Amino acid sequence: MPIYEYRCGKCRRLSSVFVRSARAQVAPACEHCGSTEAMARVISRVARTRSTADVVAEHGTGNPGEYRDPRQIGSWVEQRFEEYGMDVPEETRAMIDAAREGDLPKELGL
């Protein structure tokens, strides 16, 4: 069950389209502007996913202030909230998820 990406000819933004079968006919619509015209399939970015064990093996477990990988910081924050029996606030969750995707806050200096 592949997910294909298309660039809209109208607004030029990317849209992801879930397809039940690689052989299925697809009539993609832009998820941003709704256009079905000139949707061009593009090659999706590929990334190697690293597990927590990979990160620890490369950077160690680290102490607060000594992290070299954003997943270590996010994991530490998540553990603290869990220890206190609190839910992670939405804004904090968004920052952790963004850092895990490589969008690091400028304040980190990484």
C-alpha atoms as a PDB file:
ATOM      1  CA  MET A   1       0.000   0.000   0.000  1.00  0.00           C
ATOM      2  CA  PRO A   2       2.111   2.869  -1.267  1.00  0.00           C
ATOM      3  CA  ILE A   3       1.837   6.560  -0.544  1.00  0.00           C
ATOM      4  CA  TYR A   4       2.645   8.687  -3.580  1.00  0.00           C
ATOM      5  CA  GLU A   5       3.498  12.379  -3.625  1.00  0.00           C
ATOM      6  CA  TYR A   6       2.208  14.779  -6.251  1.00  0.00           C
ATOM      7  CA  ARG A   7       3.070  18.426  -6.990  1.00  0.00           C
ATOM      8  CA  CYS A   8       0.068  20.583  -7.794  1.00  0.00           C
ATOM      9  CA  GLY A   9       0.344  22.517 -11.056  1.00  0.00           C
ATOM     10  CA  LYS A  10      -1.860  25.269  -9.630  1.00  0.00           C
ATOM     11  CA  CYS A  11      -0.400  26.032  -6.165  1.00  0.00           C
ATOM     12  CA  ARG A  12       2.928  24.116  -6.574  1.00  0.00           C
ATOM     13  CA  ARG A  13       2.574  22.420  -3.160  1.00  0.00           C
ATOM     14  CA  LEU A  14       3.084  18.724  -2.450  1.00  0.00           C
ATOM     15  CA  SER A  15       0.236  16.364  -1.596  1.00  0.00           C
ATOM     16  CA  SER A  16       0.499  12.779  -0.348  1.00  0.00           C
ATOM     17  CA  VAL A  17      -1.932  10.230  -1.784  1.00  0.00           C
ATOM     18  CA  PHE A  18      -2.513   6.841  -0.158  1.00  0.00           C
ATOM     19  CA  VAL A  19      -3.102   4.096  -2.734  1.00  0.00           C
ATOM     20  CA  ARG A  20      -4.442   0.648  -1.858  1.00  0.00           C
ATOM     21  CA  SER A  21      -2.479  -1.044  -4.637  1.00  0.00           C
ATOM     22  CA  ALA A  22       0.512  -0.070  -6.766  1.00  0.00           C
ATOM     23  CA  ARG A  23      -1.549  -1.053  -9.831  1.00  0.00           C
ATOM     24  CA  ALA A  24      -4.590   1.044  -8.931  1.00  0.00           C
ATOM     25  CA  GLN A  25      -5.505   4.026 -11.078  1.00  0.00           C
ATOM     26  CA  VAL A  26      -5.047   7.280  -9.156  1.00  0.00           C
ATOM     27  CA  ALA A  27      -6.907  10.568  -9.681  1.00  0.00           C
ATOM     28  CA  PRO A  28      -5.065  12.766  -7.165  1.00  0.00           C
ATOM     29  CA  ALA A  29      -6.447  16.027  -5.837  1.00  0.00           C
ATOM     30  CA  CYS A  30      -4.345  18.700  -4.148  1.00  0.00           C
ATOM     31  CA  GLU A  31      -4.898  18.568  -0.384  1.00  0.00           C
ATOM     32  CA  HIS A  32      -4.144  22.309  -0.186  1.00  0.00           C
ATOM     33  CA  CYS A  33      -6.172  23.972  -2.956  1.00  0.00           C
ATOM     34  CA  GLY A  34      -8.372  21.062  -4.113  1.00  0.00           C
ATOM     35  CA  SER A  35      -7.221  21.226  -7.735  1.00  0.00           C
ATOM     36  CA  THR A  36      -7.137  18.019  -9.783  1.00  0.00           C
ATOM     37  CA  GLU A  37      -5.428  19.650 -12.760  1.00  0.00           C
ATOM     38  CA  ALA A  38      -1.759  19.111 -13.595  1.00  0.00           C
ATOM     39  CA  MET A  39      -0.952  16.925 -10.597  1.00  0.00           C
ATOM     40  CA  ALA A  40       2.544  15.592 -11.343  1.00  0.00           C
ATOM     41  CA  ARG A  41       3.917  12.615  -9.463  1.00  0.00           C
ATOM     42  CA  VAL A  42       7.298  13.336  -7.828  1.00  0.00           C
ATOM     43  CA  ILE A  43       9.982  11.157  -6.306  1.00  0.00           C
ATOM     44  CA  SER A  44       9.556  11.136  -2.542  1.00  0.00           C
ATOM     45  CA  ARG A  45      12.409  11.924  -0.202  1.00  0.00           C
ATOM     46  CA  VAL A  46      14.038   8.923   1.398  1.00  0.00           C
ATOM     47  CA  ALA A  47      15.440   8.933   4.905  1.00  0.00           C
ATOM     48  CA  ARG A  48      17.075   6.305   7.037  1.00  0.00           C
ATOM     49  CA  THR A  49      15.255   5.915  10.312  1.00  0.00           C
ATOM     50  CA  ARG A  50      17.524   5.520  13.295  1.00  0.00           C
ATOM     51  CA  SER A  51      16.306   3.733  16.369  1.00  0.00           C
ATOM     52  CA  THR A  52      16.847   4.985  19.906  1.00  0.00           C
ATOM     53  CA  ALA A  53      19.511   2.264  20.257  1.00  0.00           C
ATOM     54  CA  ASP A  54      21.334   3.690  17.201  1.00  0.00           C
ATOM     55  CA  VAL A  55      21.285   7.178  18.741  1.00  0.00           C
ATOM     56  CA  VAL A  56      22.531   5.946  22.125  1.00  0.00           C
ATOM     57  CA  ALA A  57      25.273   3.897  20.432  1.00  0.00           C
ATOM     58  CA  GLU A  58      26.453   6.950  18.489  1.00  0.00           C
ATOM     59  CA  HIS A  59      26.011   9.693  21.101  1.00  0.00           C
ATOM     60  CA  GLY A  60      25.693   7.932  24.455  1.00  0.00           C
ATOM     61  CA  THR A  61      22.860   8.511  26.892  1.00  0.00           C
ATOM     62  CA  GLY A  62      23.997  12.016  27.804  1.00  0.00           C
ATOM     63  CA  ASN A  63      22.991  14.249  30.656  1.00  0.00           C
ATOM     64  CA  PRO A  64      20.736  17.291  30.324  1.00  0.00           C
ATOM     65  CA  GLY A  65      22.714  19.949  28.471  1.00  0.00           C
ATOM     66  CA  GLU A  66      25.055  17.374  26.892  1.00  0.00           C
ATOM     67  CA  TYR A  67      22.767  15.993  24.195  1.00  0.00           C
ATOM     68  CA  ARG A  68      23.939  15.886  20.608  1.00  0.00           C
ATOM     69  CA  ASP A  69      20.795  14.457  19.052  1.00  0.00           C
ATOM     70  CA  PRO A  70      17.283  15.959  19.259  1.00  0.00           C
ATOM     71  CA  ARG A  71      15.691  12.586  19.987  1.00  0.00           C
ATOM     72  CA  GLN A  72      17.667  12.393  23.221  1.00  0.00           C
ATOM     73  CA  ILE A  73      16.300  15.759  24.332  1.00  0.00           C
ATOM     74  CA  GLY A  74      12.724  14.838  23.435  1.00  0.00           C
ATOM     75  CA  SER A  75      12.999  11.467  25.172  1.00  0.00           C
ATOM     76  CA  TRP A  76      14.334  13.123  28.317  1.00  0.00           C
ATOM     77  CA  VAL A  77      11.447  15.641  28.335  1.00  0.00           C
ATOM     78  CA  GLU A  78       8.880  12.877  27.745  1.00  0.00           C
ATOM     79  CA  GLN A  79      10.331  10.841  30.609  1.00  0.00           C
ATOM     80  CA  ARG A  80      10.123  13.820  32.992  1.00  0.00           C
ATOM     81  CA  PHE A  81       6.461  14.428  32.159  1.00  0.00           C
ATOM     82  CA  GLU A  82       5.735  10.713  32.592  1.00  0.00           C
ATOM     83  CA  GLU A  83       7.501  10.659  35.979  1.00  0.00           C
ATOM     84  CA  TYR A  84       5.302  13.534  37.166  1.00  0.00           C
ATOM     85  CA  GLY A  85       2.160  11.870  35.796  1.00  0.00           C
ATOM     86  CA  MET A  86       1.495  14.725  33.394  1.00  0.00           C
ATOM     87  CA  ASP A  87       0.562  14.823  29.709  1.00  0.00           C
ATOM     88  CA  VAL A  88       3.053  16.522  27.405  1.00  0.00           C
ATOM     89  CA  PRO A  89       1.549  19.914  26.374  1.00  0.00           C
ATOM     90  CA  GLU A  90       0.610  20.201  22.681  1.00  0.00           C
ATOM     91  CA  GLU A  91       3.176  22.967  22.036  1.00  0.00           C
ATOM     92  CA  THR A  92       5.939  20.865  23.613  1.00  0.00           C
ATOM     93  CA  ARG A  93       4.803  17.756  21.694  1.00  0.00           C
ATOM     94  CA  ALA A  94       4.932  19.744  18.438  1.00  0.00           C
ATOM     95  CA  MET A  95       8.497  20.938  19.178  1.00  0.00           C
ATOM     96  CA  ILE A  96       9.656  17.397  20.068  1.00  0.00           C
ATOM     97  CA  ASP A  97       8.100  15.937  16.913  1.00  0.00           C
ATOM     98  CA  ALA A  98       9.577  18.707  14.741  1.00  0.00           C
ATOM     99  CA  ALA A  99      13.047  18.124  16.246  1.00  0.00           C
ATOM    100  CA  ARG A 100      12.755  14.402  15.525  1.00  0.00           C
ATOM    101  CA  GLU A 101      12.034  15.296  11.900  1.00  0.00           C
ATOM    102  CA  GLY A 102      15.167  17.476  11.787  1.00  0.00           C
ATOM    103  CA  ASP A 103      13.547  20.895  12.334  1.00  0.00           C
ATOM    104  CA  LEU A 104      15.610  22.014  15.318  1.00  0.00           C
ATOM    105  CA  PRO A 105      14.706  25.136  17.306  1.00  0.00           C
ATOM    106  CA  LYS A 106      17.343  27.848  16.843  1.00  0.00           C
ATOM    107  CA  GLU A 107      17.597  28.149  20.625  1.00  0.00           C
ATOM    108  CA  LEU A 108      19.316  24.742  20.794  1.00  0.00           C
ATOM    109  CA  GLY A 109      22.324  25.968  18.836  1.00  0.00           C
ATOM    110  CA  LEU A 110      22.674  22.597  17.046  1.00  0.00           C
END
